[in-house]
Amino acid sequence: MSVLYLTTHVQEDDFASKYGKVASMPNPAGENFHGKVLRALALVEDVHCYSLVPPTLGKLPRDNFESDDIHYTYVYGPKNRYARALLTHRQLVKKIEKEAPKGERFVILYDALNLNLSRAAKCLSKSLHAPRIPVLTDEIRNITGVPGYYADRIHTLNIDADAAIALTEGLVESYGLKEKPHYVQPVFVEEQNVAPKKRERPYIYYGGALFVKDGTKDLIDCYRSLHMDYDLVISGHGAYEAEVEKAVKETPGIVYLGQISKQEHYSYIAGASLAINPRHYNRDLDALAVPSKVMEYLCFAPVIASTHSTPLQEEFGEAINWISGDLESFLKAHLDEGGKLVKLCENDAKNLILEKFGKQKTAFNLQRFLKNLP
């Protein structure tokens, strides 16, 4: 069986080649997630990845190639944003219809959060007589900056899909696919050899989206008010980025790395005295989202602190120090008089997470799910 995977993911080297060269990078969490699913599938199926390259990345150095046993094809929509909105999915459909494997069974997987990919998947499902399966990583209505009409259109396009792959049961229900075959896995990880980052001073690390709702402001405010014998190292990008840069100038000990490569990000996680996720808890989001940064923390961090996440607490409750109440009170409770972190449980889930949700196990589970589809 072949898998046609429609995504905006580009191969890691191509994505990393654009760091510092474009004004606005796509969200690396999405890049990393779909890359993990692709590489797991490639262990057991013939995978053709058609990537609709985000316009912010510009032209990449290659268009058709193989990597990690995945056949990659990069597709570029029209430069004009109106033409891109109207014509991109047709361009993608036409290309895939011409190149799709003949005489064998295949399925269409796609990133449900992208309107052009959702449109293309629906057209291809009809013309190629193949089941279409959205990969659900978030509730589109809860993503900052997404217009209501766009979110409504995403739901309309996906509600009659043939099946679903999702991070949570709540996402399956939210997209109206509870009665369809679905595969749910809260964490997707890969085994990596990661050397811990060595710095002159021990540090607390946050890597991810820089928004007030993600706790970036709270983290900086707490660092400024508490006497902590650690640097605070931050990576990522987002609307609060300018304030982070300002804090670096005003407060010794705060270090901002900007957007860094996946491997460097993992290295900072592995070397941290504490990897932290201070995102504001939202009851409405809890059943629909799994914090991607905490998935990565679980693989590499010696010690983790995070605000509540029901899916992760059910799987890895004692491996994470859960932040209840406000962030400052939590940190105060775990600092001694010298500003050192104390009374924090260590992350003992590194082997368990690979055993349950690693690439080999994920590949086997996805293959079984896809082969059992009607």
Protein backbone atom coordinates (compact mmCIF):
# COMPACT_ATOMS: atom_id res chain seq x y z
CA MET A 1 0.00 0.00 0.00
CA SER A 2 1.19 3.52 -0.79
CA VAL A 3 0.60 6.63 1.29
CA LEU A 4 0.14 10.06 -0.28
CA TYR A 5 0.91 12.56 2.46
CA LEU A 6 -0.10 16.18 1.85
CA THR A 7 1.63 18.62 4.15
CA THR A 8 3.57 21.85 4.46
CA HIS A 9 6.42 19.96 6.12
CA VAL A 10 9.77 20.23 4.37
CA GLN A 11 12.76 18.02 4.99
CA GLU A 12 14.74 19.08 8.05
CA ASP A 13 17.90 20.24 6.23
CA ASP A 14 15.86 22.42 3.86
CA PHE A 15 13.94 23.96 6.75
CA ALA A 16 17.10 24.62 8.75
CA SER A 17 18.79 26.23 5.74
CA LYS A 18 16.35 29.15 6.03
CA TYR A 19 17.13 30.11 9.64
CA GLY A 20 18.09 33.76 9.78
CA LYS A 21 17.35 34.25 6.07
CA VAL A 22 13.58 34.85 6.10
CA ALA A 23 11.56 37.29 8.16
CA SER A 24 8.93 34.82 9.38
CA MET A 25 9.58 31.10 9.80
CA PRO A 26 6.70 28.61 9.88
CA ASN A 27 5.88 26.95 13.20
CA PRO A 28 8.62 24.34 13.78
CA ALA A 29 6.32 22.28 16.03
CA GLY A 30 4.20 21.43 12.99
CA GLU A 31 7.32 20.77 10.94
CA ASN A 32 8.67 18.37 13.55
CA PHE A 33 5.39 16.55 14.15
CA HIS A 34 4.58 15.72 10.53
CA GLY A 35 8.19 14.73 9.95
CA LYS A 36 7.89 12.14 12.74
CA VAL A 37 4.68 10.68 11.28
CA LEU A 38 6.21 10.54 7.80
CA ARG A 39 9.34 8.77 8.98
CA ALA A 40 7.34 6.25 11.00
CA LEU A 41 5.11 5.45 8.02
CA ALA A 42 8.14 5.08 5.77
CA LEU A 43 9.31 2.12 7.88
CA VAL A 44 6.32 0.08 6.74
CA GLU A 45 4.78 1.73 3.65
CA ASP A 46 5.78 3.42 0.40
CA VAL A 47 5.37 7.10 1.28
CA HIS A 48 5.04 9.96 -1.21
CA CYS A 49 5.16 13.34 0.52
CA TYR A 50 3.74 16.27 -1.44
CA SER A 51 4.77 19.36 0.45
CA LEU A 52 3.12 22.69 -0.23
CA VAL A 53 6.08 24.88 0.65
CA PRO A 54 5.10 27.83 2.88
CA PRO A 55 5.55 31.05 0.87
CA THR A 56 7.66 32.57 3.68
CA LEU A 57 10.39 29.98 3.01
CA GLY A 58 10.78 31.01 -0.62
CA LYS A 59 12.41 28.68 -3.16
CA LEU A 60 14.23 25.68 -1.72
CA PRO A 61 17.37 24.19 -3.31
CA ARG A 62 15.67 20.95 -4.45
CA ASP A 63 12.21 19.86 -5.55
CA ASN A 64 12.14 16.06 -6.05
CA PHE A 65 14.28 13.72 -3.95
CA GLU A 66 14.33 10.87 -1.46
CA SER A 67 15.18 11.19 2.21
CA ASP A 68 14.58 8.69 5.04
CA ASP A 69 12.95 6.39 2.42
CA ILE A 70 10.33 9.09 1.71
CA HIS A 71 9.71 10.38 -1.81
CA TYR A 72 9.52 14.16 -1.46
CA THR A 73 7.98 16.54 -3.98
CA TYR A 74 7.93 20.25 -3.18
CA VAL A 75 5.10 22.26 -4.69
CA TYR A 76 4.96 26.06 -4.84
CA GLY A 77 1.69 27.94 -5.08
CA PRO A 78 1.27 31.22 -7.00
CA LYS A 79 3.11 34.20 -5.48
CA ASN A 80 0.03 36.43 -5.55
CA ARG A 81 -1.91 35.74 -2.35
CA TYR A 82 -5.33 35.88 -4.05
CA ALA A 83 -4.24 33.52 -6.80
CA ARG A 84 -2.65 31.31 -4.15
CA ALA A 85 -5.93 31.08 -2.25
CA LEU A 86 -7.93 30.23 -5.39
CA LEU A 87 -5.58 28.10 -7.46
CA THR A 88 -3.06 26.33 -5.23
CA HIS A 89 -5.18 23.28 -4.44
CA ARG A 90 -5.98 22.81 -8.14
CA GLN A 91 -2.30 22.96 -8.99
CA LEU A 92 -1.55 20.37 -6.33
CA VAL A 93 -4.40 18.08 -7.46
CA LYS A 94 -3.32 18.21 -11.09
CA LYS A 95 0.26 17.30 -10.23
CA ILE A 96 -0.67 14.40 -7.95
CA GLU A 97 -3.25 12.98 -10.37
CA LYS A 98 -0.52 12.85 -13.01
CA GLU A 99 2.02 11.19 -10.72
CA ALA A 100 -0.09 9.02 -8.41
CA PRO A 101 0.85 5.32 -8.32
CA LYS A 102 -1.21 3.20 -10.69
CA GLY A 103 -2.62 -0.24 -10.03
CA GLU A 104 -2.13 -0.34 -6.29
CA ARG A 105 -4.07 0.61 -3.19
CA PHE A 106 -3.17 3.87 -1.53
CA VAL A 107 -4.52 6.26 1.06
CA ILE A 108 -4.38 10.04 1.34
CA LEU A 109 -3.18 11.56 4.62
CA TYR A 110 -3.09 15.31 5.03
CA ASP A 111 -2.61 18.18 7.46
CA ALA A 112 -6.20 19.14 8.29
CA LEU A 113 -5.23 22.62 9.50
CA ASN A 114 -4.33 23.80 5.99
CA LEU A 115 -7.23 24.87 3.77
CA ASN A 116 -5.51 24.17 0.45
CA LEU A 117 -4.43 20.71 1.57
CA SER A 118 -7.91 19.90 2.84
CA ARG A 119 -9.40 21.00 -0.48
CA ALA A 120 -6.87 19.03 -2.48
CA ALA A 121 -7.39 15.89 -0.39
CA LYS A 122 -11.13 15.99 -0.98
CA CYS A 123 -10.70 16.38 -4.74
CA LEU A 124 -8.10 13.63 -4.92
CA SER A 125 -10.20 11.24 -2.87
CA LYS A 126 -12.92 11.47 -5.51
CA SER A 127 -10.75 11.38 -8.61
CA LEU A 128 -8.39 8.65 -7.40
CA HIS A 129 -11.00 6.65 -5.43
CA ALA A 130 -8.83 6.62 -2.31
CA PRO A 131 -9.79 7.14 1.34
CA ARG A 132 -8.74 10.49 2.82
CA ILE A 133 -7.57 10.73 6.39
CA PRO A 134 -6.95 14.09 8.10
CA VAL A 135 -4.14 14.26 10.62
CA LEU A 136 -5.61 16.27 13.51
CA THR A 137 -3.07 18.05 15.67
CA ASP A 138 -5.10 21.00 16.97
CA GLU A 139 -8.55 22.58 16.94
CA ILE A 140 -8.36 25.18 14.17
CA ARG A 141 -10.81 27.48 15.99
CA ASN A 142 -8.41 27.79 18.92
CA ILE A 143 -5.34 28.86 16.95
CA THR A 144 -4.40 32.50 17.44
CA GLY A 145 -5.09 34.70 14.44
CA VAL A 146 -7.17 32.24 12.41
CA PRO A 147 -10.31 33.96 11.02
CA GLY A 148 -13.67 32.39 11.82
CA TYR A 149 -14.59 31.84 8.17
CA TYR A 150 -11.33 29.94 7.60
CA ALA A 151 -11.94 27.70 10.62
CA ASP A 152 -15.53 27.03 9.55
CA ARG A 153 -14.35 26.06 6.06
CA ILE A 154 -11.77 23.67 7.53
CA HIS A 155 -14.47 21.92 9.55
CA THR A 156 -16.80 21.68 6.55
CA LEU A 157 -14.08 20.13 4.39
CA ASN A 158 -13.06 17.56 6.98
CA ILE A 159 -16.36 16.44 8.46
CA ASP A 160 -16.98 13.84 5.73
CA ALA A 161 -13.46 12.37 5.73
CA ASP A 162 -13.18 8.57 5.72
CA ALA A 163 -11.16 8.25 8.93
CA ALA A 164 -8.85 10.27 11.17
CA ILE A 165 -5.49 10.23 12.91
CA ALA A 166 -5.42 12.48 15.97
CA LEU A 167 -3.54 13.40 19.12
CA THR A 168 -6.66 13.15 21.29
CA GLU A 169 -10.18 11.73 21.29
CA GLY A 170 -11.40 15.29 21.88
CA LEU A 171 -10.03 16.36 18.49
CA VAL A 172 -11.79 13.49 16.74
CA GLU A 173 -15.06 14.54 18.32
CA SER A 174 -14.46 18.24 17.66
CA TYR A 175 -14.10 17.60 13.91
CA GLY A 176 -17.22 15.44 13.82
CA LEU A 177 -15.39 12.19 13.07
CA LYS A 178 -16.17 10.18 16.20
CA GLU A 179 -18.25 7.67 14.24
CA LYS A 180 -15.52 7.14 11.64
CA PRO A 181 -12.51 4.84 12.10
CA HIS A 182 -9.82 6.77 13.97
CA TYR A 183 -6.40 6.25 15.47
CA VAL A 184 -5.43 8.30 18.54
CA GLN A 185 -1.89 8.67 19.88
CA PRO A 186 -1.04 11.58 22.21
CA VAL A 187 2.73 11.53 21.69
CA PHE A 188 4.92 10.87 18.63
CA VAL A 189 8.66 10.59 19.35
CA GLU A 190 11.88 9.32 17.82
CA GLU A 191 15.03 8.00 19.44
CA GLN A 192 17.85 10.55 19.12
CA ASN A 193 21.42 10.77 20.28
CA VAL A 194 21.53 14.20 21.91
CA ALA A 195 24.54 15.77 23.61
CA PRO A 196 23.46 18.07 26.47
CA LYS A 197 24.32 21.74 25.90
CA LYS A 198 27.06 22.92 28.20
CA ARG A 199 27.00 26.50 29.45
CA GLU A 200 29.02 28.33 32.10
CA ARG A 201 25.97 28.65 34.36
CA PRO A 202 23.14 26.19 34.90
CA TYR A 203 19.96 27.24 33.16
CA ILE A 204 16.19 26.92 32.96
CA TYR A 205 15.02 26.39 29.38
CA TYR A 206 11.88 27.30 27.48
CA GLY A 207 11.64 26.55 23.76
CA GLY A 208 8.44 27.27 21.86
CA ALA A 209 5.91 29.90 20.84
CA LEU A 210 6.46 33.32 22.37
CA PHE A 211 3.00 34.58 23.32
CA VAL A 212 1.45 35.85 26.54
CA LYS A 213 -0.98 32.92 26.51
CA ASP A 214 1.98 30.53 26.34
CA GLY A 215 3.33 31.97 29.59
CA THR A 216 6.33 33.80 28.11
CA LYS A 217 5.56 37.02 30.02
CA ASP A 218 4.91 35.13 33.26
CA LEU A 219 8.21 33.30 32.95
CA ILE A 220 10.22 36.48 32.42
CA ASP A 221 8.38 38.32 35.20
CA CYS A 222 9.05 35.47 37.63
CA TYR A 223 12.71 35.32 36.71
CA ARG A 224 13.03 39.04 37.36
CA SER A 225 11.31 38.88 40.74
CA LEU A 226 12.91 35.72 42.12
CA HIS A 227 16.56 35.29 43.03
CA MET A 228 17.38 32.24 40.95
CA ASP A 229 20.90 30.88 40.63
CA TYR A 230 20.23 30.01 36.97
CA ASP A 231 20.19 31.68 33.61
CA LEU A 232 16.86 31.71 31.77
CA VAL A 233 17.37 30.52 28.18
CA ILE A 234 14.53 31.06 25.70
CA SER A 235 14.20 30.02 22.06
CA GLY A 236 11.40 30.33 19.52
CA HIS A 237 9.40 33.13 17.99
CA GLY A 238 6.01 34.82 18.29
CA ALA A 239 4.22 38.05 19.09
CA TYR A 240 6.07 38.52 22.41
CA GLU A 241 9.47 38.28 20.76
CA ALA A 242 10.24 42.02 20.97
CA GLU A 243 9.51 41.99 24.70
CA VAL A 244 11.85 39.04 25.15
CA GLU A 245 14.61 40.94 23.35
CA LYS A 246 13.94 43.94 25.58
CA ALA A 247 14.15 41.75 28.69
CA VAL A 248 17.55 40.44 27.57
CA LYS A 249 18.90 44.00 27.51
CA GLU A 250 17.40 44.91 30.87
CA THR A 251 17.94 41.73 32.89
CA PRO A 252 21.26 39.88 33.30
CA GLY A 253 20.81 36.13 33.03
CA ILE A 254 18.09 36.11 30.37
CA VAL A 255 19.35 34.65 27.09
CA TYR A 256 17.32 34.69 23.87
CA LEU A 257 18.47 32.35 21.10
CA GLY A 258 15.84 33.19 18.48
CA GLN A 259 14.64 30.31 16.29
CA ILE A 260 17.13 27.44 16.48
CA SER A 261 17.46 24.08 14.74
CA LYS A 262 15.68 21.01 16.04
CA GLN A 263 18.94 19.35 17.08
CA GLU A 264 20.14 22.44 18.96
CA HIS A 265 16.74 22.72 20.64
CA TYR A 266 17.02 19.11 21.81
CA SER A 267 20.54 19.77 23.07
CA TYR A 268 19.34 22.72 25.18
CA ILE A 269 16.53 20.56 26.60
CA ALA A 270 18.97 17.81 27.55
CA GLY A 271 21.36 20.21 29.28
CA ALA A 272 18.77 22.19 31.24
CA SER A 273 18.39 22.04 35.00
CA LEU A 274 14.68 22.51 34.34
CA ALA A 275 12.72 22.45 31.07
CA ILE A 276 9.53 24.40 31.61
CA ASN A 277 6.14 24.79 29.95
CA PRO A 278 4.32 27.72 31.61
CA ARG A 279 1.44 27.92 29.11
CA HIS A 280 -1.79 29.24 30.64
CA TYR A 281 -4.20 26.42 31.40
CA ASN A 282 -7.40 26.52 29.35
CA ARG A 283 -10.07 23.99 30.24
CA ASP A 284 -11.61 24.20 26.76
CA LEU A 285 -8.27 23.32 25.14
CA ASP A 286 -7.21 20.63 27.57
CA ALA A 287 -8.98 17.76 25.81
CA LEU A 288 -8.03 19.03 22.36
CA ALA A 289 -4.31 19.80 22.52
CA VAL A 290 -1.13 18.11 23.64
CA PRO A 291 1.75 20.57 24.22
CA SER A 292 4.37 19.58 21.64
CA LYS A 293 7.23 21.05 23.67
CA VAL A 294 6.42 18.73 26.59
CA MET A 295 6.57 15.73 24.26
CA GLU A 296 10.13 16.79 23.46
CA TYR A 297 10.94 17.52 27.09
CA LEU A 298 9.84 13.99 28.03
CA CYS A 299 12.38 12.52 25.61
CA PHE A 300 15.42 14.55 26.68
CA ALA A 301 14.97 16.71 29.79
CA PRO A 302 16.33 15.58 33.18
CA VAL A 303 13.60 17.58 34.99
CA ILE A 304 10.30 18.96 33.61
CA ALA A 305 7.72 21.40 34.94
CA SER A 306 4.45 22.04 33.10
CA THR A 307 0.99 23.40 33.56
CA HIS A 308 -1.76 20.79 33.49
CA SER A 309 -2.34 18.61 30.42
CA THR A 310 -4.83 15.77 30.94
CA PRO A 311 -3.53 13.53 28.09
CA LEU A 312 0.05 13.76 29.34
CA GLN A 313 -0.84 13.50 33.03
CA GLU A 314 -2.72 10.28 32.32
CA GLU A 315 0.31 8.80 30.56
CA PHE A 316 3.28 10.28 32.44
CA GLY A 317 1.89 11.76 35.65
CA GLU A 318 4.88 11.31 37.96
CA ALA A 319 7.56 12.18 35.38
CA ILE A 320 6.44 15.82 35.26
CA ASN A 321 6.28 18.43 38.02
CA TRP A 322 2.81 19.90 37.56
CA ILE A 323 2.39 23.64 38.02
CA SER A 324 -0.79 24.21 40.00
CA GLY A 325 -1.78 27.76 40.76
CA ASP A 326 0.40 30.63 39.58
CA LEU A 327 3.89 30.14 38.20
CA GLU A 328 5.66 32.33 40.77
CA SER A 329 4.21 30.40 43.72
CA PHE A 330 5.30 27.12 42.13
CA LEU A 331 8.87 28.31 41.55
CA LYS A 332 9.11 29.85 45.04
CA ALA A 333 8.12 26.52 46.55
CA HIS A 334 11.01 24.82 44.74
CA LEU A 335 13.82 27.31 45.43
CA ASP A 336 16.09 27.15 48.44
CA GLU A 337 17.64 30.22 50.12
CA GLY A 338 20.52 30.19 47.65
CA GLY A 339 18.21 30.22 44.63
CA LYS A 340 18.76 26.55 43.76
CA LEU A 341 15.93 24.29 42.56
CA VAL A 342 14.91 21.65 45.11
CA LYS A 343 12.22 19.02 45.69
CA LEU A 344 11.54 18.36 42.00
CA CYS A 345 10.93 14.86 40.66
CA GLU A 346 13.23 13.67 37.88
CA ASN A 347 11.92 12.68 34.46
CA ASP A 348 11.92 8.88 34.52
CA ALA A 349 9.77 8.46 31.40
CA LYS A 350 12.48 8.53 28.71
CA ASN A 351 12.48 4.77 28.12
CA LEU A 352 8.74 4.39 28.59
CA ILE A 353 7.88 7.08 26.05
CA LEU A 354 10.04 5.44 23.39
CA GLU A 355 8.61 2.03 24.18
CA LYS A 356 4.99 3.22 23.91
CA PHE A 357 5.19 5.98 21.30
CA GLY A 358 8.52 5.57 19.50
CA LYS A 359 8.94 5.30 15.75
CA GLN A 360 8.87 1.50 15.51
CA LYS A 361 5.74 1.11 17.67
CA THR A 362 4.02 4.01 15.88
CA ALA A 363 4.84 2.48 12.49
CA PHE A 364 3.30 -0.86 13.49
CA ASN A 365 0.15 0.76 14.90
CA LEU A 366 -0.38 3.05 11.90
CA GLN A 367 0.14 0.20 9.44
CA ARG A 368 -2.43 -1.94 11.25
CA PHE A 369 -4.90 0.95 11.34
CA LEU A 370 -4.56 1.76 7.65
CA LYS A 371 -4.79 -1.86 6.50
CA ASN A 372 -7.96 -2.40 8.49
CA LEU A 373 -9.78 0.53 6.89
CA PRO A 374 -12.90 -0.46 4.93
